[in-house]
Amino acid sequence: MRRALGEMKVKSEIARPQVYETLEPNQIYTISGAAWTGETEVVGVAVSTDGGHTWSDAQLLDPARRHAWRRWTLDWMTPARPGRYVLLARATDANGNVQAETHDPNYGGYVINHPLPIEVFVGNPATRSA
């Protein structure tokens, strides 16, 4: 069955770091990305550096405008402990809609608006463990 896609849903993406990037331990690293939505404005972005267990508010860089991307950043003190970390970002719009946690299977391969995980490694890339 086909179904109309409708209004663009609220979404945020991480642009930096890249997937599987290796970061130095115990250093400030600026996570950055962009958020957007349909007929309203993005009013907030939260970032998780532990796979969604805890969230921190990102700083919005651009003024709120309808139909426009809004860039954001978050300074993260990378852990002293080497290992694999999963970063996520989720946006909120002016109507109070929060980015969905999971993909709606009714849309198949369309409307991918859930947070996409960015796996990074902290520490020496030669010591990566699965």
N, C-alpha and C. Protein backbone atom coordinates (compact mmCIF):
# COMPACT_ATOMS: atom_id res chain seq x y z
N MET A 1 0.84 -1.18 0.00
CA MET A 1 0.00 0.00 0.00
C MET A 1 0.89 1.25 0.00
N ARG A 2 0.59 2.20 -0.84
CA ARG A 2 1.34 3.45 -0.87
C ARG A 2 0.68 4.47 0.02
N ARG A 3 1.52 5.34 0.57
CA ARG A 3 1.00 6.33 1.50
C ARG A 3 1.77 7.63 1.30
N ALA A 4 1.06 8.74 1.37
CA ALA A 4 1.70 10.04 1.18
C ALA A 4 2.71 10.27 2.30
N LEU A 5 3.81 10.90 1.96
CA LEU A 5 4.85 11.15 2.96
C LEU A 5 4.44 12.25 3.92
N GLY A 6 3.75 13.27 3.45
CA GLY A 6 3.29 14.34 4.33
C GLY A 6 4.38 15.34 4.68
N GLU A 7 4.14 16.10 5.73
CA GLU A 7 5.06 17.14 6.17
C GLU A 7 6.39 16.56 6.65
N MET A 8 7.46 17.28 6.37
CA MET A 8 8.78 16.85 6.81
C MET A 8 8.83 16.82 8.34
N LYS A 9 9.30 15.72 8.88
CA LYS A 9 9.37 15.56 10.32
C LYS A 9 10.68 16.14 10.86
N VAL A 10 10.68 16.44 12.16
CA VAL A 10 11.86 17.03 12.81
C VAL A 10 13.01 16.02 12.78
N LYS A 11 14.22 16.53 12.50
CA LYS A 11 15.38 15.65 12.32
C LYS A 11 16.66 16.39 12.66
N SER A 12 17.62 15.66 13.18
CA SER A 12 18.96 16.19 13.42
C SER A 12 19.98 15.15 12.99
N GLU A 13 21.09 15.61 12.46
CA GLU A 13 22.16 14.73 12.02
C GLU A 13 23.49 15.22 12.59
N ILE A 14 24.36 14.30 12.91
CA ILE A 14 25.72 14.61 13.33
C ILE A 14 26.60 14.63 12.08
N ALA A 15 27.31 15.75 11.88
CA ALA A 15 28.23 15.87 10.74
C ALA A 15 29.67 15.57 11.15
N ARG A 16 29.98 15.87 12.40
CA ARG A 16 31.34 15.70 12.90
C ARG A 16 31.26 15.23 14.33
N PRO A 17 31.87 14.15 14.71
CA PRO A 17 32.85 13.34 13.98
C PRO A 17 32.19 12.40 12.98
N GLN A 18 33.02 11.80 12.17
CA GLN A 18 32.55 10.82 11.21
C GLN A 18 32.46 9.45 11.87
N VAL A 19 31.70 8.56 11.25
CA VAL A 19 31.57 7.19 11.74
C VAL A 19 32.96 6.55 11.81
N TYR A 20 33.24 5.89 12.93
CA TYR A 20 34.49 5.16 13.20
C TYR A 20 35.71 6.06 13.33
N GLU A 21 35.51 7.35 13.49
CA GLU A 21 36.65 8.24 13.69
C GLU A 21 37.29 7.94 15.05
N THR A 22 38.60 8.08 15.13
CA THR A 22 39.31 7.89 16.39
C THR A 22 39.62 9.25 16.99
N LEU A 23 39.25 9.42 18.25
CA LEU A 23 39.43 10.69 18.95
C LEU A 23 40.43 10.51 20.08
N GLU A 24 41.11 11.59 20.41
CA GLU A 24 42.06 11.56 21.52
C GLU A 24 41.32 11.50 22.85
N PRO A 25 41.81 10.72 23.81
CA PRO A 25 41.16 10.69 25.12
C PRO A 25 41.40 11.96 25.92
N ASN A 26 40.45 12.26 26.80
CA ASN A 26 40.58 13.36 27.75
C ASN A 26 40.86 14.71 27.09
N GLN A 27 40.16 14.96 25.98
CA GLN A 27 40.30 16.21 25.21
C GLN A 27 38.92 16.76 24.90
N ILE A 28 38.81 18.07 24.77
CA ILE A 28 37.53 18.65 24.33
C ILE A 28 37.42 18.47 22.83
N TYR A 29 36.32 17.87 22.41
CA TYR A 29 36.03 17.65 20.99
C TYR A 29 34.67 18.29 20.71
N THR A 30 34.58 19.08 19.66
CA THR A 30 33.32 19.74 19.31
C THR A 30 32.54 18.87 18.33
N ILE A 31 31.45 18.30 18.84
CA ILE A 31 30.51 17.55 18.01
C ILE A 31 29.64 18.58 17.31
N SER A 32 29.39 18.40 16.01
CA SER A 32 28.57 19.38 15.30
C SER A 32 27.64 18.70 14.31
N GLY A 33 26.59 19.43 13.95
CA GLY A 33 25.62 18.91 13.01
C GLY A 33 24.60 19.95 12.64
N ALA A 34 23.49 19.48 12.08
CA ALA A 34 22.41 20.37 11.67
C ALA A 34 21.08 19.70 11.97
N ALA A 35 20.05 20.52 12.16
CA ALA A 35 18.70 20.03 12.42
C ALA A 35 17.73 20.81 11.53
N TRP A 36 16.60 20.19 11.22
CA TRP A 36 15.59 20.83 10.37
C TRP A 36 14.23 20.21 10.64
N THR A 37 13.20 20.87 10.16
CA THR A 37 11.84 20.36 10.29
C THR A 37 10.98 20.96 9.17
N GLY A 38 9.70 20.66 9.18
CA GLY A 38 8.80 21.09 8.12
C GLY A 38 8.27 22.50 8.29
N GLU A 39 7.08 22.63 8.82
CA GLU A 39 6.36 23.90 8.83
C GLU A 39 6.62 24.77 10.06
N THR A 40 7.61 24.45 10.86
CA THR A 40 7.91 25.23 12.05
C THR A 40 9.42 25.39 12.18
N GLU A 41 9.90 25.71 13.37
CA GLU A 41 11.33 25.92 13.57
C GLU A 41 11.89 24.89 14.55
N VAL A 42 13.17 24.60 14.41
CA VAL A 42 13.89 23.78 15.38
C VAL A 42 14.21 24.68 16.57
N VAL A 43 13.85 24.23 17.77
CA VAL A 43 14.10 25.03 18.97
C VAL A 43 15.11 24.39 19.91
N GLY A 44 15.50 23.15 19.64
CA GLY A 44 16.48 22.51 20.50
C GLY A 44 17.05 21.25 19.89
N VAL A 45 18.28 20.94 20.30
CA VAL A 45 18.93 19.70 19.91
C VAL A 45 19.61 19.15 21.15
N ALA A 46 19.44 17.86 21.40
CA ALA A 46 20.12 17.18 22.50
C ALA A 46 21.05 16.14 21.90
N VAL A 47 22.20 15.94 22.55
CA VAL A 47 23.22 15.01 22.07
C VAL A 47 23.53 14.01 23.18
N SER A 48 23.65 12.75 22.79
CA SER A 48 24.06 11.70 23.71
C SER A 48 25.42 11.16 23.26
N THR A 49 26.32 10.96 24.21
CA THR A 49 27.63 10.38 23.91
C THR A 49 27.76 8.97 24.50
N ASP A 50 26.64 8.44 24.99
CA ASP A 50 26.65 7.11 25.60
C ASP A 50 25.53 6.22 25.07
N GLY A 51 25.22 6.37 23.79
CA GLY A 51 24.23 5.51 23.16
C GLY A 51 22.80 5.78 23.55
N GLY A 52 22.50 6.98 24.08
CA GLY A 52 21.13 7.37 24.40
C GLY A 52 20.75 7.24 25.86
N HIS A 53 21.70 6.91 26.73
CA HIS A 53 21.40 6.81 28.16
C HIS A 53 21.23 8.18 28.79
N THR A 54 22.09 9.13 28.42
CA THR A 54 22.00 10.50 28.93
C THR A 54 22.09 11.46 27.76
N TRP A 55 21.53 12.67 27.96
CA TRP A 55 21.48 13.67 26.89
C TRP A 55 21.93 15.02 27.43
N SER A 56 22.60 15.80 26.56
CA SER A 56 23.03 17.16 26.89
C SER A 56 22.53 18.10 25.81
N ASP A 57 22.14 19.31 26.19
CA ASP A 57 21.66 20.29 25.22
C ASP A 57 22.81 20.86 24.41
N ALA A 58 22.63 20.86 23.10
CA ALA A 58 23.61 21.44 22.19
C ALA A 58 23.36 22.95 22.08
N GLN A 59 24.36 23.67 21.61
CA GLN A 59 24.23 25.10 21.37
C GLN A 59 23.77 25.30 19.93
N LEU A 60 22.67 26.02 19.76
CA LEU A 60 22.17 26.34 18.41
C LEU A 60 22.92 27.55 17.88
N LEU A 61 23.44 27.45 16.66
CA LEU A 61 24.28 28.50 16.10
C LEU A 61 23.53 29.50 15.23
N ASP A 62 22.45 29.08 14.63
CA ASP A 62 21.72 29.94 13.70
C ASP A 62 20.40 30.37 14.31
N PRO A 63 19.87 31.51 13.85
CA PRO A 63 18.55 31.93 14.34
C PRO A 63 17.47 30.95 13.86
N ALA A 64 16.40 30.86 14.62
CA ALA A 64 15.28 29.98 14.25
C ALA A 64 14.55 30.57 13.05
N ARG A 65 14.41 29.75 11.99
CA ARG A 65 13.67 30.15 10.80
C ARG A 65 12.91 28.96 10.26
N ARG A 66 11.72 29.21 9.81
CA ARG A 66 10.95 28.14 9.18
C ARG A 66 11.64 27.67 7.92
N HIS A 67 11.57 26.39 7.66
CA HIS A 67 12.08 25.77 6.43
C HIS A 67 13.60 25.90 6.28
N ALA A 68 14.34 26.14 7.36
CA ALA A 68 15.79 26.31 7.25
C ALA A 68 16.51 25.36 8.20
N TRP A 69 17.67 24.90 7.77
CA TRP A 69 18.51 24.11 8.64
C TRP A 69 18.99 24.99 9.78
N ARG A 70 19.25 24.35 10.91
CA ARG A 70 19.80 25.07 12.05
C ARG A 70 21.03 24.29 12.54
N ARG A 71 22.20 24.91 12.40
CA ARG A 71 23.43 24.25 12.83
C ARG A 71 23.55 24.27 14.35
N TRP A 72 24.26 23.27 14.89
CA TRP A 72 24.43 23.17 16.33
C TRP A 72 25.79 22.58 16.65
N THR A 73 26.27 22.79 17.88
CA THR A 73 27.52 22.21 18.37
C THR A 73 27.36 21.79 19.82
N LEU A 74 28.22 20.89 20.24
CA LEU A 74 28.33 20.49 21.64
C LEU A 74 29.79 20.15 21.92
N ASP A 75 30.37 20.80 22.91
CA ASP A 75 31.73 20.47 23.32
C ASP A 75 31.68 19.27 24.25
N TRP A 76 32.41 18.21 23.88
CA TRP A 76 32.44 16.96 24.63
C TRP A 76 33.84 16.71 25.15
N MET A 77 33.95 16.51 26.43
CA MET A 77 35.22 16.09 27.01
C MET A 77 35.29 14.58 26.81
N THR A 78 36.12 14.16 25.87
CA THR A 78 36.21 12.74 25.58
C THR A 78 36.66 11.98 26.82
N PRO A 79 36.18 10.77 27.00
CA PRO A 79 36.55 10.00 28.19
C PRO A 79 38.05 9.70 28.24
N ALA A 80 38.56 9.59 29.45
CA ALA A 80 39.96 9.19 29.63
C ALA A 80 40.11 7.70 29.31
N ARG A 81 39.02 6.97 29.47
CA ARG A 81 39.04 5.52 29.23
C ARG A 81 38.86 5.23 27.74
N PRO A 82 39.84 4.57 27.11
CA PRO A 82 39.70 4.21 25.70
C PRO A 82 38.53 3.26 25.48
N GLY A 83 37.96 3.32 24.28
CA GLY A 83 36.88 2.39 23.94
C GLY A 83 36.00 2.93 22.84
N ARG A 84 34.90 2.22 22.61
CA ARG A 84 33.92 2.57 21.58
C ARG A 84 32.79 3.33 22.24
N TYR A 85 32.38 4.45 21.60
CA TYR A 85 31.30 5.28 22.12
C TYR A 85 30.31 5.54 20.99
N VAL A 86 29.02 5.60 21.33
CA VAL A 86 27.97 5.82 20.34
C VAL A 86 27.34 7.18 20.59
N LEU A 87 27.42 8.04 19.57
CA LEU A 87 26.87 9.40 19.63
C LEU A 87 25.54 9.43 18.90
N LEU A 88 24.59 10.18 19.46
CA LEU A 88 23.27 10.36 18.85
C LEU A 88 22.86 11.82 19.01
N ALA A 89 22.03 12.31 18.11
CA ALA A 89 21.46 13.66 18.24
C ALA A 89 19.96 13.57 17.97
N ARG A 90 19.19 14.37 18.72
CA ARG A 90 17.74 14.42 18.49
C ARG A 90 17.29 15.87 18.62
N ALA A 91 16.40 16.26 17.74
CA ALA A 91 15.92 17.64 17.68
C ALA A 91 14.49 17.74 18.20
N THR A 92 14.13 18.97 18.59
CA THR A 92 12.78 19.30 19.02
C THR A 92 12.33 20.53 18.23
N ASP A 93 11.07 20.53 17.78
CA ASP A 93 10.58 21.70 17.04
C ASP A 93 9.70 22.59 17.93
N ALA A 94 9.27 23.71 17.38
CA ALA A 94 8.51 24.71 18.14
C ALA A 94 7.14 24.20 18.58
N ASN A 95 6.64 23.14 17.96
CA ASN A 95 5.36 22.55 18.37
C ASN A 95 5.53 21.50 19.46
N GLY A 96 6.76 21.28 19.90
CA GLY A 96 7.03 20.29 20.94
C GLY A 96 7.27 18.89 20.42
N ASN A 97 7.32 18.73 19.10
CA ASN A 97 7.60 17.41 18.53
C ASN A 97 9.08 17.09 18.69
N VAL A 98 9.36 15.90 19.19
CA VAL A 98 10.74 15.44 19.38
C VAL A 98 11.02 14.38 18.33
N GLN A 99 12.21 14.39 17.79
CA GLN A 99 12.63 13.42 16.80
C GLN A 99 12.35 12.00 17.30
N ALA A 100 11.78 11.18 16.45
CA ALA A 100 11.43 9.80 16.81
C ALA A 100 12.67 9.01 17.22
N GLU A 101 12.51 8.11 18.18
CA GLU A 101 13.64 7.30 18.65
C GLU A 101 13.97 6.17 17.68
N THR A 102 12.96 5.66 16.98
CA THR A 102 13.17 4.54 16.07
C THR A 102 12.48 4.83 14.73
N HIS A 103 12.86 4.07 13.72
CA HIS A 103 12.29 4.22 12.38
C HIS A 103 10.87 3.66 12.36
N ASP A 104 9.96 4.38 11.73
CA ASP A 104 8.59 3.91 11.55
C ASP A 104 8.59 2.94 10.36
N PRO A 105 8.38 1.64 10.60
CA PRO A 105 8.46 0.65 9.52
C PRO A 105 7.40 0.85 8.44
N ASN A 106 6.35 1.62 8.71
CA ASN A 106 5.33 1.89 7.70
C ASN A 106 5.88 2.69 6.53
N TYR A 107 7.03 3.35 6.72
CA TYR A 107 7.62 4.16 5.66
C TYR A 107 8.67 3.42 4.86
N GLY A 108 8.95 2.17 5.17
CA GLY A 108 9.95 1.41 4.42
C GLY A 108 11.29 2.14 4.46
N GLY A 109 11.86 2.42 3.30
CA GLY A 109 13.15 3.10 3.21
C GLY A 109 13.04 4.61 3.16
N TYR A 110 11.84 5.16 3.41
CA TYR A 110 11.64 6.60 3.36
C TYR A 110 11.48 7.17 4.77
N VAL A 111 11.55 8.47 4.88
CA VAL A 111 11.34 9.20 6.13
C VAL A 111 12.26 8.64 7.22
N ILE A 112 13.54 8.67 6.94
CA ILE A 112 14.53 8.22 7.92
C ILE A 112 14.82 9.41 8.83
N ASN A 113 13.97 9.58 9.85
CA ASN A 113 14.14 10.75 10.72
C ASN A 113 14.53 10.38 12.15
N HIS A 114 14.78 9.10 12.40
CA HIS A 114 15.25 8.71 13.73
C HIS A 114 16.75 9.01 13.86
N PRO A 115 17.26 9.13 15.08
CA PRO A 115 18.69 9.40 15.25
C PRO A 115 19.54 8.26 14.67
N LEU A 116 20.52 8.64 13.86
CA LEU A 116 21.44 7.66 13.29
C LEU A 116 22.70 7.63 14.14
N PRO A 117 23.08 6.47 14.68
CA PRO A 117 24.23 6.40 15.58
C PRO A 117 25.55 6.66 14.86
N ILE A 118 26.41 7.37 15.52
CA ILE A 118 27.77 7.60 15.04
C ILE A 118 28.69 6.91 16.04
N GLU A 119 29.30 5.80 15.62
CA GLU A 119 30.24 5.09 16.49
C GLU A 119 31.61 5.72 16.32
N VAL A 120 32.24 6.03 17.44
CA VAL A 120 33.60 6.57 17.43
C VAL A 120 34.45 5.77 18.41
N PHE A 121 35.75 5.90 18.26
CA PHE A 121 36.69 5.25 19.15
C PHE A 121 37.50 6.32 19.85
N VAL A 122 37.68 6.15 21.13
CA VAL A 122 38.53 7.04 21.91
C VAL A 122 39.78 6.25 22.24
N GLY A 123 40.92 6.85 21.92
CA GLY A 123 42.20 6.18 22.20
C GLY A 123 42.91 5.73 20.94
N ASN A 124 43.90 4.94 21.12
CA ASN A 124 44.76 4.45 20.05
C ASN A 124 43.97 3.52 19.14
N PRO A 125 43.91 3.80 17.82
CA PRO A 125 43.13 2.93 16.92
C PRO A 125 43.67 1.50 16.86
N ALA A 126 44.92 1.30 17.21
CA ALA A 126 45.49 -0.05 17.18
C ALA A 126 44.95 -0.92 18.31
N THR A 127 44.32 -0.29 19.32
CA THR A 127 43.82 -1.06 20.46
C THR A 127 42.30 -1.20 20.45
N ARG A 128 41.67 -1.01 19.30
CA ARG A 128 40.21 -1.15 19.21
C ARG A 128 39.79 -2.56 19.58
N SER A 129 38.73 -2.64 20.34
CA SER A 129 38.18 -3.96 20.67
C SER A 129 36.74 -4.01 20.20
N ALA A 130 36.28 -5.17 19.84
CA ALA A 130 34.92 -5.32 19.32
C ALA A 130 33.89 -5.28 20.41
